N, C-alpha and C. Protein backbone atom coordinates (compact mmCIF):
# COMPACT_ATOMS: atom_id res chain seq x y z
N MET A 1 0.77 -1.08 -0.22
CA MET A 1 -0.13 0.11 -0.04
C MET A 1 1.27 1.83 0.17
N PRO A 2 0.48 2.24 -0.78
CA PRO A 2 1.27 3.27 -0.73
C PRO A 2 1.55 4.04 0.57
N PRO A 3 2.65 5.32 0.68
CA PRO A 3 2.54 6.00 2.25
C PRO A 3 1.27 6.93 1.60
N GLY A 4 0.01 7.32 3.21
CA GLY A 4 -0.56 8.05 2.50
C GLY A 4 -2.17 8.20 2.15
N SER A 5 -2.10 6.54 1.65
CA SER A 5 -3.34 6.31 0.83
C SER A 5 -4.36 5.32 1.42
N GLY A 6 -3.97 5.81 3.13
CA GLY A 6 -4.87 5.33 3.88
C GLY A 6 -4.51 4.23 4.93
N SER A 7 -5.83 3.28 5.21
CA SER A 7 -5.12 2.36 5.84
C SER A 7 -6.02 0.81 5.17
N ARG A 8 -6.17 -0.38 5.91
CA ARG A 8 -6.26 -1.60 4.94
C ARG A 8 -8.66 -1.00 5.14
N HIS A 9 -8.66 -0.26 5.80
CA HIS A 9 -10.37 -0.23 6.33
C HIS A 9 -10.66 0.89 5.32
N GLY A 10 -10.09 1.46 4.53
CA GLY A 10 -10.56 2.94 3.67
C GLY A 10 -10.31 4.34 4.48
N THR A 11 -10.08 3.96 5.45
CA THR A 11 -10.03 6.05 6.00
C THR A 11 -8.66 6.30 6.38
N SER A 12 -8.70 7.27 5.67
CA SER A 12 -7.10 8.22 6.30
C SER A 12 -6.65 8.86 7.09
N SER A 13 -5.47 8.78 7.92
CA SER A 13 -5.65 10.07 8.30
C SER A 13 -4.66 11.25 7.79
N LEU A 14 -4.29 11.20 6.97
CA LEU A 14 -4.16 12.32 5.71
C LEU A 14 -5.25 12.79 4.72
N SER A 15 -5.49 13.92 5.35
CA SER A 15 -5.87 14.75 4.11
C SER A 15 -5.81 15.32 2.82
N HIS A 16 -6.43 14.80 2.00
CA HIS A 16 -6.35 15.16 0.41
C HIS A 16 -5.68 16.33 0.27
N PRO A 17 -4.54 16.43 -0.44
CA PRO A 17 -3.96 17.82 -0.58
C PRO A 17 -4.26 18.71 -1.63
N TYR A 18 -5.64 18.69 -2.27
CA TYR A 18 -6.74 20.04 -2.71
C TYR A 18 -7.53 19.92 -1.83
N GLU A 19 -7.38 19.58 -0.73
CA GLU A 19 -8.57 19.76 0.47
C GLU A 19 -8.86 21.50 0.89
N ALA A 20 -9.84 22.01 1.10
CA ALA A 20 -9.85 22.91 1.83
C ALA A 20 -10.38 23.09 2.77
N PRO A 21 -9.42 23.44 3.89
CA PRO A 21 -10.16 23.78 5.24
C PRO A 21 -11.70 23.77 5.40
N PRO A 22 -12.64 23.58 6.22
CA PRO A 22 -13.82 23.12 6.49
C PRO A 22 -14.62 24.77 6.26
N GLN A 23 -13.45 25.63 7.05
CA GLN A 23 -14.03 26.84 7.52
C GLN A 23 -14.10 27.56 6.22
N LEU A 24 -13.43 27.18 5.04
CA LEU A 24 -13.22 28.03 3.65
C LEU A 24 -14.72 27.64 3.19
N LEU A 25 -15.08 26.06 3.10
CA LEU A 25 -15.48 25.50 2.19
C LEU A 25 -16.84 25.81 2.26
N PHE A 26 -17.07 26.71 3.75
CA PHE A 26 -18.58 27.28 4.10
C PHE A 26 -18.82 28.59 3.47
N ARG A 27 -17.79 29.13 3.71
CA ARG A 27 -17.10 30.53 2.80
C ARG A 27 -17.59 31.25 1.88
N GLN A 28 -18.92 32.16 1.66
CA GLN A 28 -18.73 32.82 0.37
C GLN A 28 -19.06 34.19 0.50
N HIS A 29 -19.36 34.74 -0.42
CA HIS A 29 -19.65 35.86 -1.31
C HIS A 29 -20.98 36.15 -1.06
N ALA A 30 -21.46 37.12 -0.28
CA ALA A 30 -22.78 37.63 -0.82
C ALA A 30 -23.18 38.97 -1.68
N ARG A 31 -24.22 37.96 -2.38
CA ARG A 31 -24.35 38.98 -4.21
C ARG A 31 -24.42 40.10 -3.75
N THR A 32 -24.23 41.14 -4.50
CA THR A 32 -24.01 42.64 -3.78
C THR A 32 -23.96 43.65 -5.04
N LEU A 33 -25.20 44.28 -4.65
CA LEU A 33 -26.01 45.08 -5.80
C LEU A 33 -25.07 46.80 -5.27
N TRP A 34 -24.85 47.89 -6.49
CA TRP A 34 -24.81 48.81 -6.33
C TRP A 34 -24.72 50.24 -7.03
N TYR A 35 -24.79 51.35 -6.25
CA TYR A 35 -25.15 52.01 -7.47
C TYR A 35 -24.73 53.99 -6.69
N ASP A 36 -24.47 54.52 -7.88
CA ASP A 36 -23.94 55.88 -7.24
C ASP A 36 -24.69 57.38 -7.30
N ARG A 37 -24.56 58.14 -6.44
CA ARG A 37 -25.24 58.74 -6.31
C ARG A 37 -24.59 60.31 -6.19
N PRO A 38 -24.66 61.43 -6.28
CA PRO A 38 -23.52 62.61 -6.82
C PRO A 38 -22.72 62.59 -4.49
N LYS A 39 -23.73 62.35 -3.78
CA LYS A 39 -23.44 62.43 -2.34
C LYS A 39 -23.47 61.06 -1.48
N TYR A 40 -23.93 60.09 -2.63
CA TYR A 40 -23.47 58.59 -1.55
C TYR A 40 -23.52 57.43 -2.02
N VAL A 41 -22.78 55.94 -2.10
CA VAL A 41 -22.78 55.31 -2.58
C VAL A 41 -23.88 54.22 -2.14
N PHE A 42 -24.60 53.14 -2.80
CA PHE A 42 -25.13 52.53 -2.36
C PHE A 42 -24.58 51.00 -1.99
N MET A 43 -24.90 50.25 -1.14
CA MET A 43 -24.48 49.08 -1.72
C MET A 43 -25.50 48.39 -0.67
N GLU A 44 -26.44 47.11 -1.58
CA GLU A 44 -27.29 45.73 -0.59
C GLU A 44 -26.70 45.04 -1.04
N PHE A 45 -25.98 44.04 0.01
CA PHE A 45 -25.75 42.72 0.03
C PHE A 45 -26.87 42.23 0.48
N CYS A 46 -26.76 41.12 -0.73
CA CYS A 46 -28.27 40.12 -0.45
C CYS A 46 -28.45 39.32 -0.04
N VAL A 47 -28.49 39.11 1.20
CA VAL A 47 -28.85 37.90 1.67
C VAL A 47 -30.31 38.10 2.53
N GLU A 48 -31.24 36.48 2.36
CA GLU A 48 -32.14 36.74 3.19
C GLU A 48 -31.85 36.17 4.45
N ASP A 49 -32.77 36.98 5.71
CA ASP A 49 -32.58 35.97 7.10
C ASP A 49 -31.48 35.74 7.77
N SER A 50 -30.24 37.12 7.42
CA SER A 50 -29.20 37.44 7.95
C SER A 50 -28.86 36.90 9.38
N THR A 51 -28.17 36.62 10.27
CA THR A 51 -27.76 36.28 11.28
C THR A 51 -26.23 36.84 11.59
N ASP A 52 -26.10 37.07 13.00
CA ASP A 52 -24.20 37.75 13.29
C ASP A 52 -24.07 38.75 11.93
N VAL A 53 -24.65 39.75 11.65
CA VAL A 53 -23.70 41.00 10.84
C VAL A 53 -23.55 41.54 11.44
N HIS A 54 -21.92 41.85 10.68
CA HIS A 54 -21.24 42.64 10.70
C HIS A 54 -21.08 43.60 9.76
N VAL A 55 -20.46 44.92 9.63
CA VAL A 55 -20.21 45.61 8.69
C VAL A 55 -19.13 46.46 9.69
N LEU A 56 -17.56 46.69 8.97
CA LEU A 56 -16.92 47.25 9.50
C LEU A 56 -16.62 48.88 7.92
N LEU A 57 -16.72 49.62 8.56
CA LEU A 57 -16.48 50.74 7.19
C LEU A 57 -15.50 51.11 7.66
N GLU A 58 -14.37 52.05 6.61
CA GLU A 58 -13.65 52.45 6.70
C GLU A 58 -13.76 52.97 5.95
N ASP A 59 -13.07 54.34 6.13
CA ASP A 59 -12.19 55.38 4.58
C ASP A 59 -12.11 55.00 3.71
N HIS A 60 -11.17 53.56 3.53
CA HIS A 60 -11.24 53.54 1.64
C HIS A 60 -11.88 51.79 1.70
N ARG A 61 -12.00 51.09 3.26
CA ARG A 61 -13.23 49.86 2.12
C ARG A 61 -13.99 49.69 3.47
N ILE A 62 -15.01 48.40 3.05
CA ILE A 62 -16.09 47.91 3.59
C ILE A 62 -15.71 46.41 3.75
N VAL A 63 -15.49 45.78 4.88
CA VAL A 63 -15.82 44.64 5.31
C VAL A 63 -17.17 44.02 5.73
N PHE A 64 -17.70 43.11 5.40
CA PHE A 64 -19.18 42.81 5.28
C PHE A 64 -19.13 41.46 5.80
N SER A 65 -19.62 40.61 6.96
CA SER A 65 -20.19 38.87 6.94
C SER A 65 -20.95 39.34 7.57
N CYS A 66 -21.84 37.85 7.46
CA CYS A 66 -23.20 37.50 8.38
C CYS A 66 -22.75 36.04 7.82
N LYS A 67 -24.46 35.21 8.89
CA LYS A 67 -24.20 33.91 8.03
C LYS A 67 -26.15 34.11 7.70
N ASN A 68 -26.05 33.61 6.42
CA ASN A 68 -27.77 33.46 6.27
C ASN A 68 -28.65 32.08 6.44
N ALA A 69 -29.58 32.10 6.66
CA ALA A 69 -30.88 31.30 6.75
C ALA A 69 -30.05 29.91 7.21
N GLU A 70 -29.46 29.21 6.14
CA GLU A 70 -28.73 27.87 6.01
C GLU A 70 -27.14 27.83 7.09
N GLY A 71 -27.03 29.15 7.66
CA GLY A 71 -25.37 28.91 8.62
C GLY A 71 -24.14 29.01 7.82
N VAL A 72 -24.42 29.71 6.55
CA VAL A 72 -23.24 29.50 5.40
C VAL A 72 -22.97 31.07 5.80
N GLU A 73 -21.86 31.49 6.09
CA GLU A 73 -21.31 32.37 6.46
C GLU A 73 -20.88 33.06 5.09
N LEU A 74 -20.97 34.25 4.85
CA LEU A 74 -21.28 35.43 3.61
C LEU A 74 -20.01 36.32 4.31
N TYR A 75 -19.20 36.43 3.50
CA TYR A 75 -17.63 37.48 3.75
C TYR A 75 -17.53 38.25 2.58
N ASN A 76 -17.57 39.68 2.14
CA ASN A 76 -17.08 40.46 1.48
C ASN A 76 -16.27 41.74 2.11
N GLU A 77 -15.31 42.00 1.03
CA GLU A 77 -14.21 42.75 1.87
C GLU A 77 -14.32 43.74 -0.04
N ILE A 78 -14.56 45.09 0.07
CA ILE A 78 -14.23 45.89 -1.01
C ILE A 78 -13.38 47.30 -0.65
N GLU A 79 -12.86 47.27 -1.50
CA GLU A 79 -12.05 48.22 -1.25
C GLU A 79 -12.19 49.30 -2.14
N PHE A 80 -12.64 50.86 -1.83
CA PHE A 80 -13.17 51.73 -2.49
C PHE A 80 -12.78 52.00 -3.83
N TYR A 81 -13.49 53.01 -4.46
CA TYR A 81 -12.65 52.97 -5.47
C TYR A 81 -12.39 54.88 -5.39
N ALA A 82 -12.85 55.36 -4.81
CA ALA A 82 -12.47 56.81 -3.94
C ALA A 82 -12.48 56.69 -2.59
N LYS A 83 -11.68 57.81 -1.37
CA LYS A 83 -12.20 57.77 -0.34
C LYS A 83 -13.42 58.06 0.24
N VAL A 84 -14.07 57.33 1.37
CA VAL A 84 -15.50 57.78 1.92
C VAL A 84 -15.28 58.40 3.21
N ASN A 85 -16.14 59.18 3.63
CA ASN A 85 -16.59 59.90 5.12
C ASN A 85 -17.44 57.96 5.54
N SER A 86 -16.43 57.67 5.82
CA SER A 86 -17.50 56.44 7.07
C SER A 86 -17.84 56.80 8.47
N LYS A 87 -17.52 58.02 9.36
CA LYS A 87 -18.53 58.10 10.24
C LYS A 87 -19.76 59.22 9.78
N ASP A 88 -19.80 59.20 8.06
CA ASP A 88 -21.39 60.24 7.96
C ASP A 88 -22.22 59.02 7.22
N SER A 89 -21.65 57.40 7.27
CA SER A 89 -22.12 56.85 6.67
C SER A 89 -23.04 55.55 7.11
N GLN A 90 -23.75 55.23 6.64
CA GLN A 90 -24.86 54.17 8.04
C GLN A 90 -25.28 53.18 7.24
N ASP A 91 -25.70 51.94 7.70
CA ASP A 91 -25.95 50.43 7.23
C ASP A 91 -27.96 50.34 7.55
N LYS A 92 -28.80 49.82 6.95
CA LYS A 92 -29.91 49.50 7.72
C LYS A 92 -30.17 48.18 7.09
N ARG A 93 -30.51 47.30 8.15
CA ARG A 93 -30.31 45.74 7.82
C ARG A 93 -32.10 45.52 7.92
N SER A 94 -32.59 44.15 6.35
CA SER A 94 -34.22 44.00 6.32
C SER A 94 -34.07 42.66 6.15
N GLY A 95 -35.40 41.86 6.47
CA GLY A 95 -35.43 40.58 6.12
C GLY A 95 -34.92 39.98 4.87
N ARG A 96 -34.56 40.79 4.06
CA ARG A 96 -33.97 40.76 2.42
C ARG A 96 -32.52 41.07 2.39
N SER A 97 -32.12 42.08 2.60
CA SER A 97 -30.74 42.68 2.71
C SER A 97 -30.17 43.38 3.77
N ILE A 98 -29.22 43.99 2.93
CA ILE A 98 -28.51 44.81 4.36
C ILE A 98 -27.50 45.88 3.45
N THR A 99 -28.31 47.31 3.83
CA THR A 99 -28.13 48.44 2.54
C THR A 99 -27.04 48.71 3.68
N CYS A 100 -25.98 49.24 2.82
CA CYS A 100 -25.19 50.23 3.30
C CYS A 100 -25.37 51.74 2.36
N PHE A 101 -25.62 52.90 3.27
CA PHE A 101 -25.14 54.51 2.63
C PHE A 101 -24.31 55.04 2.86
N VAL A 102 -23.40 55.27 1.89
CA VAL A 102 -22.07 55.02 2.09
C VAL A 102 -21.72 56.83 1.36
N ARG A 103 -20.87 57.76 2.42
CA ARG A 103 -21.25 59.53 2.30
C ARG A 103 -19.69 59.36 1.11
N LYS A 104 -19.58 60.00 0.47
CA LYS A 104 -18.29 60.15 -0.77
C LYS A 104 -17.45 61.65 0.46
N TRP A 105 -16.42 61.08 -0.25
CA TRP A 105 -15.33 62.13 0.29
C TRP A 105 -15.75 63.13 -0.72
N LYS A 106 -15.72 63.20 -1.89
CA LYS A 106 -16.00 64.14 -3.19
C LYS A 106 -17.19 64.39 -2.99
N GLU A 107 -18.25 64.85 -2.78
CA GLU A 107 -19.06 64.68 -3.24
C GLU A 107 -19.10 65.34 -5.23
N LYS A 108 -20.28 65.31 -5.83
CA LYS A 108 -20.69 65.34 -6.99
C LYS A 108 -19.35 64.90 -8.07
N VAL A 109 -18.89 63.65 -7.59
CA VAL A 109 -17.93 62.81 -8.51
C VAL A 109 -18.09 61.45 -8.67
N ALA A 110 -18.70 61.08 -10.08
CA ALA A 110 -19.07 60.01 -10.41
C ALA A 110 -17.63 58.65 -10.11
N TRP A 111 -18.64 57.59 -9.76
CA TRP A 111 -17.58 56.10 -9.28
C TRP A 111 -17.79 55.93 -11.23
N PRO A 112 -16.98 55.42 -11.83
CA PRO A 112 -17.35 54.58 -12.66
C PRO A 112 -17.77 53.00 -12.52
N ARG A 113 -16.82 52.67 -11.27
CA ARG A 113 -17.29 51.47 -10.81
C ARG A 113 -16.74 51.45 -9.47
N LEU A 114 -17.66 50.74 -8.43
CA LEU A 114 -17.02 50.52 -6.78
C LEU A 114 -15.91 50.20 -6.39
N THR A 115 -14.86 49.34 -6.93
CA THR A 115 -14.00 48.88 -6.22
C THR A 115 -12.76 49.42 -6.91
N LYS A 116 -11.50 49.65 -5.96
CA LYS A 116 -10.36 50.05 -6.73
C LYS A 116 -10.18 49.76 -7.81
N GLU A 117 -9.78 48.28 -7.57
CA GLU A 117 -8.98 47.76 -8.84
C GLU A 117 -10.17 48.04 -9.81
N ASP A 118 -9.67 47.79 -11.28
CA ASP A 118 -10.22 47.63 -11.98
C ASP A 118 -10.69 46.57 -12.82
N ILE A 119 -11.62 45.52 -11.67
CA ILE A 119 -11.93 44.55 -12.03
C ILE A 119 -13.26 44.06 -11.21
N LYS A 120 -13.85 43.28 -12.48
CA LYS A 120 -15.38 43.09 -11.38
C LYS A 120 -15.77 41.83 -11.12
N PRO A 121 -15.94 42.07 -10.22
CA PRO A 121 -16.12 40.46 -9.00
C PRO A 121 -17.16 39.79 -9.59
N VAL A 122 -17.28 38.32 -9.73
CA VAL A 122 -18.43 38.04 -10.16
C VAL A 122 -19.78 38.20 -9.37
N TRP A 123 -19.74 37.96 -7.92
CA TRP A 123 -20.80 38.68 -7.08
C TRP A 123 -21.06 40.24 -6.51
N LEU A 124 -20.63 41.15 -7.45
CA LEU A 124 -20.40 42.86 -7.67
C LEU A 124 -21.40 42.78 -8.79
N SER A 125 -22.51 43.56 -8.72
CA SER A 125 -23.01 43.88 -9.94
C SER A 125 -23.77 45.46 -9.61
N VAL A 126 -24.36 45.70 -11.10
CA VAL A 126 -24.64 47.28 -10.80
C VAL A 126 -25.97 47.06 -10.41
N ASP A 127 -26.89 47.82 -9.78
CA ASP A 127 -28.45 47.94 -9.65
C ASP A 127 -29.09 48.89 -10.70
N PHE A 128 -29.82 47.89 -11.66
CA PHE A 128 -29.42 48.90 -12.95
C PHE A 128 -31.31 49.66 -12.08
N ASP A 129 -31.77 49.14 -10.96
CA ASP A 129 -33.18 49.15 -11.16
C ASP A 129 -33.41 50.22 -10.45
N ASN A 130 -31.75 51.05 -9.72
CA ASN A 130 -31.97 52.22 -8.96
C ASN A 130 -30.27 52.78 -9.84
N TRP A 131 -30.13 52.26 -10.90
CA TRP A 131 -28.85 53.41 -11.47
C TRP A 131 -29.56 54.55 -12.27
N ARG A 132 -28.83 55.80 -11.93
CA ARG A 132 -29.24 56.62 -13.14
C ARG A 132 -27.88 57.83 -13.34
N ASP A 133 -27.93 57.70 -14.62
CA ASP A 133 -26.77 58.92 -14.85
C ASP A 133 -26.85 60.38 -14.69
N TRP A 134 -26.52 60.87 -13.25
CA TRP A 134 -26.89 61.81 -12.70
C TRP A 134 -26.05 63.23 -12.69
N GLU A 135 -24.78 62.90 -13.70
CA GLU A 135 -23.81 64.05 -14.35
C GLU A 135 -25.18 65.36 -14.94
N GLY A 136 -24.73 65.70 -14.66
CA GLY A 136 -25.70 66.70 -15.98
C GLY A 136 -27.18 66.91 -15.79
N ASP A 137 -27.69 66.38 -14.70
CA ASP A 137 -28.89 66.74 -13.94
C ASP A 137 -29.99 67.85 -14.49
N GLU A 138 -28.82 68.30 -13.64
CA GLU A 138 -29.41 70.13 -13.61
C GLU A 138 -30.17 70.28 -15.24
N GLU A 139 -29.77 70.06 -16.46
CA GLU A 139 -29.33 70.73 -17.62
C GLU A 139 -30.44 69.16 -18.04
N VAL A 140 -30.81 68.55 -17.90
CA VAL A 140 -31.80 67.81 -18.15
C VAL A 140 -32.75 67.60 -17.59
N GLU A 141 -32.84 68.17 -16.49
CA GLU A 141 -34.28 68.81 -15.78
C GLU A 141 -34.30 69.84 -16.36
N LEU A 142 -33.46 70.82 -16.11
CA LEU A 142 -34.37 71.89 -17.00
C LEU A 142 -34.90 71.41 -18.35
N ALA A 143 -34.16 70.74 -19.44
CA ALA A 143 -34.68 70.71 -20.57
C ALA A 143 -35.87 70.16 -20.45
N GLN A 144 -36.54 68.83 -19.38
CA GLN A 144 -37.55 68.06 -19.67
C GLN A 144 -38.79 69.13 -18.95
N VAL A 145 -38.18 70.32 -18.17
CA VAL A 145 -39.38 70.98 -17.63
C VAL A 145 -39.92 72.48 -18.47
N GLU A 146 -39.29 72.78 -19.32
CA GLU A 146 -39.17 73.05 -20.43
C GLU A 146 -40.03 72.92 -21.32
N HIS A 147 -39.89 71.41 -21.84
CA HIS A 147 -40.46 70.89 -22.58
C HIS A 147 -41.82 70.23 -21.94
N TYR A 148 -42.06 70.55 -20.53
CA TYR A 148 -43.22 70.68 -20.17
C TYR A 148 -44.09 71.73 -20.47
N ALA A 149 -43.57 72.51 -20.15
CA ALA A 149 -44.31 73.55 -20.51
C ALA A 149 -44.53 74.15 -21.85
N GLU A 150 -43.62 73.66 -22.81
CA GLU A 150 -44.14 73.76 -23.72
C GLU A 150 -45.83 72.81 -24.50
N LEU A 151 -45.61 71.46 -23.60
CA LEU A 151 -46.89 70.59 -23.99
C LEU A 151 -47.95 71.49 -23.10
N LEU A 152 -47.61 72.17 -22.31
CA LEU A 152 -49.11 72.82 -21.10
C LEU A 152 -49.23 74.04 -21.71
N LYS A 153 -48.78 74.62 -22.84
CA LYS A 153 -48.84 75.98 -23.08
C LYS A 153 -49.83 76.17 -24.63
N LYS A 154 -49.55 74.42 -25.11
CA LYS A 154 -49.85 74.14 -26.49
C LYS A 154 -51.57 73.14 -26.03
N VAL A 155 -51.22 72.66 -25.48
CA VAL A 155 -52.99 72.60 -24.81
C VAL A 155 -53.73 73.29 -23.77
N SER A 156 -53.24 74.12 -23.15
CA SER A 156 -53.87 74.88 -22.74
C SER A 156 -54.23 76.52 -23.97
N THR A 157 -54.00 76.50 -25.04
CA THR A 157 -54.38 77.23 -25.95
C THR A 157 -55.96 77.12 -26.82
N LYS A 158 -57.04 77.88 -26.35
CA LYS A 158 -58.24 77.42 -27.07
C LYS A 158 -57.88 77.26 -28.74
N ARG A 159 -58.95 76.81 -29.86
CA ARG A 159 -58.57 76.71 -30.56
C ARG A 159 -60.25 76.41 -30.76
N PRO A 160 -60.82 76.85 -31.66
CA PRO A 160 -61.79 76.22 -32.27
C PRO A 160 -61.99 74.86 -32.83
N PRO A 161 -63.14 73.99 -32.34
CA PRO A 161 -63.49 72.71 -32.35
C PRO A 161 -63.32 71.82 -33.76
N PRO A 162 -62.73 71.48 -34.18
CA PRO A 162 -62.28 70.57 -35.85
C PRO A 162 -64.06 70.72 -36.24
N ALA A 163 -64.35 71.15 -37.14
CA ALA A 163 -65.74 71.40 -38.03
C ALA A 163 -65.68 69.58 -38.73
N MET A 164 -67.18 69.17 -37.95
CA MET A 164 -67.41 67.74 -38.20
C MET A 164 -68.42 67.77 -39.38
N ASP A 165 -68.61 68.88 -40.19
CA ASP A 165 -69.43 68.85 -41.54
C ASP A 165 -69.25 68.32 -42.37
N ASP A 166 -68.12 67.29 -42.79
CA ASP A 166 -67.90 66.46 -43.60
C ASP A 166 -68.84 65.13 -43.35
N LEU A 167 -68.87 64.68 -42.36
CA LEU A 167 -69.64 63.12 -41.14
C LEU A 167 -70.73 63.56 -41.83
N ASP A 168 -71.11 62.34 -42.44
CA ASP A 168 -72.72 62.31 -42.81
C ASP A 168 -73.59 61.43 -42.18
N ASP A 169 -75.08 61.19 -42.09
CA ASP A 169 -75.17 60.96 -40.28
C ASP A 169 -75.87 59.64 -40.71
N ASP A 170 -76.11 59.39 -42.10
CA ASP A 170 -76.69 58.30 -42.10
C ASP A 170 -75.74 57.12 -43.37
N SER A 171 -74.27 57.85 -42.70
CA SER A 171 -73.42 56.18 -43.25
C SER A 171 -73.43 55.37 -42.98
N ASP A 172 -73.61 55.41 -41.19
CA ASP A 172 -73.36 54.11 -40.89
C ASP A 172 -74.58 53.22 -40.89
N SER A 173 -76.34 53.75 -40.57
CA SER A 173 -77.14 53.16 -41.29
C SER A 173 -77.54 52.91 -42.39
N GLY A 174 -76.74 53.12 -43.70
CA GLY A 174 -76.97 53.45 -44.63
C GLY A 174 -76.13 51.75 -45.12
N ASP A 175 -75.48 51.68 -44.74
CA ASP A 175 -74.38 50.66 -44.86
C ASP A 175 -74.95 49.30 -44.60
N ALA A 176 -76.08 49.52 -42.93
CA ALA A 176 -76.12 48.30 -42.64
C ALA A 176 -77.13 47.73 -43.17
N THR A 177 -78.13 48.86 -44.09
CA THR A 177 -79.13 48.42 -44.85
C THR A 177 -79.36 47.99 -46.33
N SER A 178 -77.66 48.20 -46.57
CA SER A 178 -77.51 48.06 -48.10
C SER A 178 -77.13 46.51 -48.37
N ASN A 179 -77.93 45.88 -48.46
CA ASN A 179 -77.86 43.91 -48.62
C ASN A 179 -78.36 43.62 -50.64
């Protein structure tokens, strides 16, 4: 019997060389959604029925950990694209997720991504339901208000009612009786 292949009874005292330690087998990343606003970056860690929730927010990173309903430990560490104000940020827990409102150090500066490195982890996605290109919002809003005002002006302008003298009163009844 080769060394390390176990005893005659099929059990081995040595671990398989490619086997991960048990604590790493059950540790996964939480699915994370994010979106950008002028003053804040919002992150949502999507974990239903979470327990042992820990959020460590520093000026350059966030560390999130918890356990899901099955007891699996979830762990995310994100180095931010830019500096944040960790003292003026907060998180909120619901039954379905943990949302973090992270105050940007420099307001009104768009973040092209959440992470410092130009890589996208598979567990991190843009929250397109909440995403909005807010750069230049003032001009867009002004254009929308002007367009709306023009529409109101057109609608409120009193015009004479359309002439209906070209309609024949008997056209519908004549078609129905001619066979």
